[in-house]
């Protein structure tokens, strides 16, 4: 199973946004799509690689509804999704598999349980070299993302 994060992976993260901004209705629905990753995810699903969205949401507000609508708007609505209460560990909500995430804290928690983790290096992270494990880049074309994730899923999934 490949678990794919949304914020900063499928959707471009706005590093200028405050927590209050992110709690506004429509914030997540308005995020720009990381097109190469969305295309890669659609292709992996087409290839019958087991995939699921694993994304944090606030306990109150419209984040889950906004994120669901965003997924449908970008052709990803049929992919299973698991929304984790913000501040909770993703490891507590998912089974065995590979996590693709941009947030090193999530990756470290995942890897600490012996699960493979892949850093998604985007425009706002991966600049300090704190993650030394598997990684893909927002700059890669969809085909390269598919190739790497497909291979790692076969090896570790």
N, C-alpha and C. Protein backbone atom coordinates (compact mmCIF):
# COMPACT_ATOMS: atom_id res chain seq x y z
N UNK A 1 0.85 -1.18 0.00
CA UNK A 1 0.00 0.00 0.00
C UNK A 1 0.89 1.24 0.00
N UNK A 2 0.54 2.17 -0.86
CA UNK A 2 1.18 3.49 -0.85
C UNK A 2 0.22 4.47 -0.21
N UNK A 3 0.64 5.10 0.86
CA UNK A 3 -0.14 6.15 1.51
C UNK A 3 0.44 7.49 1.07
N UNK A 4 -0.39 8.33 0.49
CA UNK A 4 0.06 9.60 -0.08
C UNK A 4 -0.54 10.76 0.72
N UNK A 5 0.31 11.62 1.21
CA UNK A 5 -0.12 12.83 1.91
C UNK A 5 -0.70 13.82 0.89
N UNK A 6 -1.53 14.73 1.36
CA UNK A 6 -2.09 15.75 0.47
C UNK A 6 -1.30 17.06 0.51
N UNK A 7 -1.27 17.69 1.68
CA UNK A 7 -0.72 19.03 1.82
C UNK A 7 0.79 19.03 1.63
N UNK A 8 1.25 19.66 0.56
CA UNK A 8 2.67 19.70 0.25
C UNK A 8 3.11 18.56 -0.65
N UNK A 9 2.19 17.62 -0.95
CA UNK A 9 2.52 16.50 -1.84
C UNK A 9 1.59 16.54 -3.05
N UNK A 10 0.31 16.32 -2.85
CA UNK A 10 -0.65 16.42 -3.96
C UNK A 10 -1.08 17.86 -4.20
N UNK A 11 -1.12 18.62 -3.14
CA UNK A 11 -1.53 20.03 -3.23
C UNK A 11 -0.36 20.90 -2.78
N UNK A 12 -0.07 21.93 -3.54
CA UNK A 12 1.03 22.84 -3.22
C UNK A 12 0.72 23.55 -1.91
N UNK A 13 1.68 23.51 -1.00
CA UNK A 13 1.49 24.15 0.31
C UNK A 13 1.84 25.63 0.22
N UNK A 14 1.03 26.46 0.86
CA UNK A 14 1.28 27.90 0.93
C UNK A 14 2.01 28.18 2.24
N UNK A 15 3.31 28.34 2.18
CA UNK A 15 4.12 28.53 3.40
C UNK A 15 3.85 29.87 4.08
N UNK A 16 3.17 30.77 3.39
CA UNK A 16 2.83 32.07 3.99
C UNK A 16 1.54 32.02 4.79
N UNK A 17 0.77 30.93 4.67
CA UNK A 17 -0.52 30.82 5.34
C UNK A 17 -0.33 30.61 6.85
N UNK A 18 -1.13 31.29 7.62
CA UNK A 18 -1.13 31.10 9.07
C UNK A 18 -2.06 29.94 9.42
N UNK A 19 -1.99 29.47 10.65
CA UNK A 19 -2.91 28.43 11.09
C UNK A 19 -4.35 28.92 10.95
N UNK A 20 -4.58 30.18 11.30
CA UNK A 20 -5.94 30.75 11.15
C UNK A 20 -6.39 30.70 9.69
N UNK A 21 -5.48 31.00 8.77
CA UNK A 21 -5.82 30.92 7.34
C UNK A 21 -6.26 29.51 6.97
N UNK A 22 -5.49 28.51 7.44
CA UNK A 22 -5.78 27.13 7.05
C UNK A 22 -7.07 26.60 7.65
N UNK A 23 -7.58 27.29 8.66
CA UNK A 23 -8.85 26.87 9.28
C UNK A 23 -10.06 27.52 8.61
N UNK A 24 -9.82 28.40 7.67
CA UNK A 24 -10.93 29.07 6.97
C UNK A 24 -11.61 28.11 6.00
N UNK A 25 -12.94 28.13 5.95
CA UNK A 25 -13.64 27.29 4.96
C UNK A 25 -13.14 27.61 3.56
N UNK A 26 -12.88 26.58 2.80
CA UNK A 26 -12.42 26.74 1.42
C UNK A 26 -10.92 26.81 1.25
N UNK A 27 -10.16 26.93 2.33
CA UNK A 27 -8.71 27.04 2.21
C UNK A 27 -8.14 25.84 1.44
N UNK A 28 -8.44 24.63 1.89
CA UNK A 28 -7.87 23.44 1.26
C UNK A 28 -8.45 23.21 -0.14
N UNK A 29 -9.68 23.58 -0.33
CA UNK A 29 -10.30 23.43 -1.64
C UNK A 29 -9.61 24.31 -2.69
N UNK A 30 -9.03 25.42 -2.24
CA UNK A 30 -8.39 26.38 -3.15
C UNK A 30 -6.92 26.09 -3.42
N UNK A 31 -6.36 25.03 -2.85
CA UNK A 31 -4.95 24.75 -3.06
C UNK A 31 -4.67 24.38 -4.52
N UNK A 32 -3.51 24.77 -4.98
CA UNK A 32 -3.06 24.46 -6.35
C UNK A 32 -2.63 22.99 -6.39
N UNK A 33 -2.99 22.31 -7.45
CA UNK A 33 -2.64 20.91 -7.62
C UNK A 33 -1.17 20.76 -8.02
N UNK A 34 -0.47 19.82 -7.40
CA UNK A 34 0.87 19.42 -7.81
C UNK A 34 0.65 18.41 -8.93
N UNK A 35 0.51 18.91 -10.14
CA UNK A 35 0.00 18.12 -11.27
C UNK A 35 0.80 16.84 -11.53
N UNK A 36 2.12 16.91 -11.44
CA UNK A 36 2.90 15.70 -11.73
C UNK A 36 2.63 14.60 -10.71
N UNK A 37 2.45 14.97 -9.45
CA UNK A 37 2.16 13.96 -8.43
C UNK A 37 0.75 13.43 -8.59
N UNK A 38 -0.21 14.30 -8.90
CA UNK A 38 -1.59 13.85 -9.12
C UNK A 38 -1.63 12.89 -10.31
N UNK A 39 -0.93 13.23 -11.37
CA UNK A 39 -0.87 12.36 -12.55
C UNK A 39 -0.23 11.02 -12.19
N UNK A 40 0.84 11.07 -11.40
CA UNK A 40 1.51 9.83 -10.98
C UNK A 40 0.56 8.97 -10.14
N UNK A 41 -0.19 9.58 -9.25
CA UNK A 41 -1.11 8.83 -8.41
C UNK A 41 -2.22 8.19 -9.24
N UNK A 42 -2.76 8.93 -10.20
CA UNK A 42 -3.77 8.35 -11.09
C UNK A 42 -3.20 7.15 -11.85
N UNK A 43 -1.96 7.26 -12.32
CA UNK A 43 -1.34 6.18 -13.07
C UNK A 43 -1.07 4.97 -12.16
N UNK A 44 -0.61 5.20 -10.95
CA UNK A 44 -0.38 4.10 -10.02
C UNK A 44 -1.68 3.36 -9.73
N UNK A 45 -2.76 4.11 -9.54
CA UNK A 45 -4.07 3.49 -9.32
C UNK A 45 -4.49 2.69 -10.55
N UNK A 46 -4.25 3.23 -11.74
CA UNK A 46 -4.59 2.54 -12.99
C UNK A 46 -3.80 1.23 -13.11
N UNK A 47 -2.56 1.25 -12.63
CA UNK A 47 -1.72 0.05 -12.64
C UNK A 47 -2.07 -0.93 -11.52
N UNK A 48 -3.11 -0.59 -10.79
CA UNK A 48 -3.62 -1.43 -9.68
C UNK A 48 -2.66 -1.52 -8.49
N UNK A 49 -1.83 -0.50 -8.33
CA UNK A 49 -1.02 -0.40 -7.12
C UNK A 49 -1.97 0.07 -6.02
N UNK A 50 -2.02 -0.62 -4.88
CA UNK A 50 -2.91 -0.16 -3.82
C UNK A 50 -2.43 1.19 -3.27
N UNK A 51 -3.31 2.18 -3.36
CA UNK A 51 -2.99 3.54 -2.92
C UNK A 51 -4.12 4.07 -2.05
N UNK A 52 -3.76 4.98 -1.16
CA UNK A 52 -4.75 5.68 -0.33
C UNK A 52 -4.18 7.04 0.03
N UNK A 53 -5.08 7.98 0.20
CA UNK A 53 -4.71 9.31 0.69
C UNK A 53 -4.66 9.23 2.21
N UNK A 54 -3.63 9.79 2.82
CA UNK A 54 -3.49 9.83 4.28
C UNK A 54 -3.13 11.27 4.65
N UNK A 55 -4.13 12.00 5.14
CA UNK A 55 -3.95 13.44 5.32
C UNK A 55 -4.56 13.90 6.64
N UNK A 56 -3.91 14.86 7.26
CA UNK A 56 -4.41 15.42 8.52
C UNK A 56 -5.50 16.45 8.26
N UNK A 57 -6.48 16.49 9.17
CA UNK A 57 -7.55 17.49 9.12
C UNK A 57 -7.82 17.98 10.54
N UNK A 58 -8.30 19.21 10.62
CA UNK A 58 -8.71 19.74 11.91
C UNK A 58 -9.96 19.02 12.39
N UNK A 59 -10.08 18.88 13.69
CA UNK A 59 -11.24 18.18 14.27
C UNK A 59 -12.53 18.96 14.04
N UNK A 60 -12.41 20.26 13.92
CA UNK A 60 -13.60 21.09 13.64
C UNK A 60 -13.35 21.82 12.32
N UNK A 61 -14.39 22.32 11.72
CA UNK A 61 -14.22 23.06 10.48
C UNK A 61 -14.54 22.21 9.26
N UNK A 62 -14.08 22.68 8.11
CA UNK A 62 -14.46 22.07 6.83
C UNK A 62 -13.30 21.39 6.09
N UNK A 63 -12.18 21.18 6.76
CA UNK A 63 -11.01 20.63 6.07
C UNK A 63 -11.30 19.29 5.39
N UNK A 64 -11.96 18.36 6.07
CA UNK A 64 -12.24 17.05 5.47
C UNK A 64 -13.13 17.20 4.24
N UNK A 65 -14.16 18.02 4.33
CA UNK A 65 -15.05 18.23 3.20
C UNK A 65 -14.33 18.93 2.05
N UNK A 66 -13.53 19.94 2.39
CA UNK A 66 -12.77 20.67 1.37
C UNK A 66 -11.78 19.74 0.66
N UNK A 67 -11.08 18.92 1.45
CA UNK A 67 -10.09 18.02 0.85
C UNK A 67 -10.77 16.96 -0.03
N UNK A 68 -11.91 16.46 0.41
CA UNK A 68 -12.65 15.49 -0.40
C UNK A 68 -13.08 16.12 -1.72
N UNK A 69 -13.64 17.32 -1.66
CA UNK A 69 -14.06 18.02 -2.88
C UNK A 69 -12.86 18.29 -3.78
N UNK A 70 -11.72 18.66 -3.20
CA UNK A 70 -10.50 18.92 -3.97
C UNK A 70 -10.08 17.65 -4.71
N UNK A 71 -10.11 16.52 -4.03
CA UNK A 71 -9.72 15.26 -4.66
C UNK A 71 -10.62 14.94 -5.85
N UNK A 72 -11.93 15.11 -5.70
CA UNK A 72 -12.84 14.86 -6.81
C UNK A 72 -12.58 15.84 -7.95
N UNK A 73 -12.31 17.09 -7.62
CA UNK A 73 -12.06 18.11 -8.65
C UNK A 73 -10.80 17.82 -9.47
N UNK A 74 -9.89 17.04 -8.90
CA UNK A 74 -8.63 16.75 -9.59
C UNK A 74 -8.52 15.28 -10.03
N UNK A 75 -9.67 14.63 -10.16
CA UNK A 75 -9.70 13.27 -10.69
C UNK A 75 -9.16 12.22 -9.75
N UNK A 76 -9.16 12.50 -8.45
CA UNK A 76 -8.62 11.58 -7.46
C UNK A 76 -9.68 11.15 -6.44
N UNK A 77 -10.91 11.45 -6.72
CA UNK A 77 -11.99 11.21 -5.76
C UNK A 77 -12.29 9.76 -5.48
N UNK A 78 -11.93 8.88 -6.40
CA UNK A 78 -12.21 7.46 -6.20
C UNK A 78 -11.14 6.76 -5.38
N UNK A 79 -10.07 7.44 -5.09
CA UNK A 79 -8.99 6.84 -4.30
C UNK A 79 -9.41 6.87 -2.83
N UNK A 80 -9.27 5.75 -2.12
CA UNK A 80 -9.64 5.74 -0.70
C UNK A 80 -8.86 6.81 0.06
N UNK A 81 -9.50 7.35 1.08
CA UNK A 81 -8.84 8.39 1.86
C UNK A 81 -9.04 8.13 3.35
N UNK A 82 -8.01 8.47 4.09
CA UNK A 82 -8.03 8.38 5.54
C UNK A 82 -7.66 9.76 6.05
N UNK A 83 -8.58 10.36 6.79
CA UNK A 83 -8.30 11.67 7.38
C UNK A 83 -7.95 11.46 8.86
N UNK A 84 -6.79 11.95 9.21
CA UNK A 84 -6.23 11.81 10.54
C UNK A 84 -6.45 13.12 11.30
N UNK A 85 -6.98 13.06 12.52
CA UNK A 85 -7.13 14.30 13.29
C UNK A 85 -5.78 15.01 13.44
N UNK A 86 -5.77 16.30 13.15
CA UNK A 86 -4.54 17.09 13.24
C UNK A 86 -3.89 16.88 14.61
N UNK A 87 -2.59 16.63 14.60
CA UNK A 87 -1.84 16.40 15.82
C UNK A 87 -1.70 14.93 16.17
N UNK A 88 -2.46 14.07 15.51
CA UNK A 88 -2.37 12.63 15.74
C UNK A 88 -1.28 12.03 14.86
N UNK A 89 -0.83 10.86 15.25
CA UNK A 89 0.20 10.17 14.48
C UNK A 89 -0.45 9.41 13.33
N UNK A 90 0.06 9.59 12.14
CA UNK A 90 -0.47 8.87 10.97
C UNK A 90 -0.32 7.37 11.14
N UNK A 91 0.69 6.94 11.86
CA UNK A 91 0.92 5.50 12.08
C UNK A 91 -0.25 4.85 12.81
N UNK A 92 -1.01 5.62 13.57
CA UNK A 92 -2.13 5.08 14.32
C UNK A 92 -3.38 4.87 13.46
N UNK A 93 -3.35 5.35 12.22
CA UNK A 93 -4.55 5.31 11.38
C UNK A 93 -4.37 4.52 10.09
N UNK A 94 -3.19 3.98 9.88
CA UNK A 94 -2.91 3.27 8.63
C UNK A 94 -2.26 1.93 8.92
N UNK A 95 -2.46 1.02 7.98
CA UNK A 95 -1.84 -0.29 8.10
C UNK A 95 -0.45 -0.29 7.51
N UNK A 96 0.08 -1.48 7.24
CA UNK A 96 1.41 -1.59 6.65
C UNK A 96 1.45 -0.93 5.27
N UNK A 97 2.58 -0.39 4.93
CA UNK A 97 2.76 0.23 3.63
C UNK A 97 3.79 1.33 3.67
N UNK A 98 3.90 2.01 2.56
CA UNK A 98 4.88 3.07 2.36
C UNK A 98 4.18 4.42 2.49
N UNK A 99 4.77 5.33 3.24
CA UNK A 99 4.24 6.69 3.36
C UNK A 99 5.04 7.62 2.47
N UNK A 100 4.33 8.41 1.66
CA UNK A 100 4.94 9.49 0.88
C UNK A 100 4.44 10.78 1.49
N UNK A 101 5.34 11.54 2.08
CA UNK A 101 4.96 12.74 2.84
C UNK A 101 6.08 13.77 2.70
N UNK A 102 5.74 15.03 2.90
CA UNK A 102 6.75 16.08 2.85
C UNK A 102 7.25 16.47 4.23
N UNK A 103 6.60 15.99 5.28
CA UNK A 103 6.89 16.43 6.63
C UNK A 103 7.76 15.37 7.32
N UNK A 104 8.99 15.74 7.63
CA UNK A 104 9.97 14.81 8.18
C UNK A 104 9.48 14.17 9.48
N UNK A 105 8.79 14.91 10.32
CA UNK A 105 8.27 14.35 11.58
C UNK A 105 7.40 13.12 11.29
N UNK A 106 6.49 13.23 10.32
CA UNK A 106 5.64 12.09 9.96
C UNK A 106 6.48 10.92 9.45
N UNK A 107 7.47 11.23 8.63
CA UNK A 107 8.32 10.19 8.06
C UNK A 107 9.12 9.48 9.14
N UNK A 108 9.63 10.22 10.09
CA UNK A 108 10.41 9.61 11.18
C UNK A 108 9.53 8.70 12.04
N UNK A 109 8.31 9.16 12.35
CA UNK A 109 7.39 8.32 13.13
C UNK A 109 7.08 7.03 12.38
N UNK A 110 6.87 7.15 11.08
CA UNK A 110 6.56 6.00 10.23
C UNK A 110 7.74 5.03 10.22
N UNK A 111 8.93 5.55 9.96
CA UNK A 111 10.13 4.73 9.87
C UNK A 111 10.48 4.09 11.21
N UNK A 112 10.18 4.76 12.32
CA UNK A 112 10.47 4.22 13.65
C UNK A 112 9.71 2.92 13.90
N UNK A 113 8.63 2.71 13.16
CA UNK A 113 7.86 1.46 13.28
C UNK A 113 8.27 0.44 12.23
N UNK A 114 9.39 0.70 11.56
CA UNK A 114 9.90 -0.24 10.57
C UNK A 114 9.19 -0.18 9.23
N UNK A 115 8.47 0.91 9.00
CA UNK A 115 7.74 1.07 7.73
C UNK A 115 8.56 1.95 6.79
N UNK A 116 8.55 1.64 5.50
CA UNK A 116 9.29 2.47 4.53
C UNK A 116 8.63 3.84 4.39
N UNK A 117 9.46 4.86 4.32
CA UNK A 117 8.98 6.24 4.20
C UNK A 117 9.73 6.95 3.09
N UNK A 118 9.01 7.76 2.33
CA UNK A 118 9.57 8.49 1.19
C UNK A 118 9.30 9.97 1.36
N UNK A 119 10.35 10.74 1.36
CA UNK A 119 10.24 12.19 1.46
C UNK A 119 9.85 12.77 0.10
N UNK A 120 8.81 13.61 0.09
CA UNK A 120 8.45 14.36 -1.11
C UNK A 120 9.07 15.74 -0.95
N UNK A 121 10.14 15.97 -1.68
CA UNK A 121 10.84 17.26 -1.61
C UNK A 121 10.12 18.25 -2.51
N UNK A 122 9.61 19.30 -1.88
CA UNK A 122 8.89 20.31 -2.63
C UNK A 122 9.59 21.66 -2.52
N UNK A 123 8.88 22.72 -2.82
CA UNK A 123 9.47 24.06 -2.87
C UNK A 123 9.80 24.62 -1.49
N UNK A 124 9.26 24.02 -0.41
CA UNK A 124 9.45 24.60 0.92
C UNK A 124 10.09 23.66 1.93
N UNK A 125 10.45 22.45 1.52
CA UNK A 125 11.07 21.55 2.49
C UNK A 125 12.30 20.88 1.86
N UNK A 126 12.92 20.04 2.64
CA UNK A 126 14.07 19.29 2.13
C UNK A 126 15.30 20.14 1.90
N UNK A 127 15.38 21.28 2.59
CA UNK A 127 16.50 22.19 2.36
C UNK A 127 17.60 22.06 3.41
N UNK A 128 17.34 21.33 4.50
CA UNK A 128 18.33 21.24 5.58
C UNK A 128 19.02 19.89 5.67
N UNK A 129 18.62 18.93 4.83
CA UNK A 129 19.25 17.64 4.82
C UNK A 129 18.96 16.77 6.03
N UNK A 130 17.84 17.03 6.73
CA UNK A 130 17.52 16.24 7.92
C UNK A 130 16.96 14.87 7.57
N UNK A 131 16.45 14.69 6.35
CA UNK A 131 15.95 13.38 5.92
C UNK A 131 16.97 12.78 4.96
N UNK A 132 17.44 11.58 5.29
CA UNK A 132 18.46 10.94 4.46
C UNK A 132 17.96 9.64 3.82
N UNK A 133 16.67 9.36 3.97
CA UNK A 133 16.10 8.14 3.41
C UNK A 133 15.65 8.33 1.97
N UNK A 134 14.74 7.45 1.53
CA UNK A 134 14.18 7.52 0.19
C UNK A 134 13.52 8.87 -0.05
N UNK A 135 13.61 9.37 -1.28
CA UNK A 135 13.01 10.67 -1.59
C UNK A 135 12.66 10.76 -3.06
N UNK A 136 11.64 11.56 -3.33
CA UNK A 136 11.26 11.96 -4.68
C UNK A 136 11.14 13.47 -4.67
N UNK A 137 11.03 14.06 -5.85
CA UNK A 137 11.03 15.51 -5.93
C UNK A 137 9.83 16.04 -6.70
N UNK A 138 9.35 17.19 -6.26
CA UNK A 138 8.26 17.89 -6.96
C UNK A 138 8.69 18.30 -8.35
N UNK A 139 9.99 18.32 -8.61
CA UNK A 139 10.51 18.70 -9.92
C UNK A 139 10.52 17.54 -10.92
N UNK A 140 10.30 16.33 -10.45
CA UNK A 140 10.35 15.18 -11.33
C UNK A 140 9.10 15.10 -12.20
N UNK A 141 9.23 14.62 -13.42
CA UNK A 141 8.03 14.37 -14.23
C UNK A 141 7.25 13.19 -13.64
N UNK A 142 5.98 13.12 -13.96
CA UNK A 142 5.10 12.08 -13.44
C UNK A 142 5.66 10.68 -13.70
N UNK A 143 6.22 10.48 -14.88
CA UNK A 143 6.74 9.16 -15.23
C UNK A 143 7.84 8.71 -14.27
N UNK A 144 8.70 9.63 -13.87
CA UNK A 144 9.79 9.30 -12.95
C UNK A 144 9.23 9.01 -11.55
N UNK A 145 8.22 9.76 -11.14
CA UNK A 145 7.57 9.51 -9.85
C UNK A 145 6.93 8.11 -9.86
N UNK A 146 6.21 7.79 -10.93
CA UNK A 146 5.57 6.48 -11.04
C UNK A 146 6.63 5.38 -10.98
N UNK A 147 7.68 5.52 -11.74
CA UNK A 147 8.72 4.50 -11.79
C UNK A 147 9.32 4.23 -10.41
N UNK A 148 9.66 5.28 -9.69
CA UNK A 148 10.27 5.12 -8.36
C UNK A 148 9.28 4.54 -7.36
N UNK A 149 8.08 5.10 -7.30
CA UNK A 149 7.09 4.63 -6.32
C UNK A 149 6.63 3.21 -6.62
N UNK A 150 6.49 2.89 -7.89
CA UNK A 150 6.10 1.54 -8.29
C UNK A 150 7.17 0.53 -7.85
N UNK A 151 8.42 0.87 -8.11
CA UNK A 151 9.52 -0.02 -7.74
C UNK A 151 9.61 -0.20 -6.23
N UNK A 152 9.51 0.89 -5.48
CA UNK A 152 9.59 0.79 -4.02
C UNK A 152 8.40 0.02 -3.47
N UNK A 153 7.22 0.18 -4.07
CA UNK A 153 6.06 -0.57 -3.60
C UNK A 153 6.28 -2.08 -3.83
N UNK A 154 6.88 -2.43 -4.96
CA UNK A 154 7.17 -3.86 -5.23
C UNK A 154 8.21 -4.39 -4.25
N UNK A 155 9.19 -3.53 -3.92
CA UNK A 155 10.27 -3.97 -3.03
C UNK A 155 9.84 -4.04 -1.56
N UNK A 156 9.10 -3.02 -1.11
CA UNK A 156 8.79 -2.90 0.30
C UNK A 156 7.31 -3.09 0.65
N UNK A 157 6.42 -2.95 -0.35
CA UNK A 157 4.98 -2.90 -0.08
C UNK A 157 4.34 -4.17 0.32
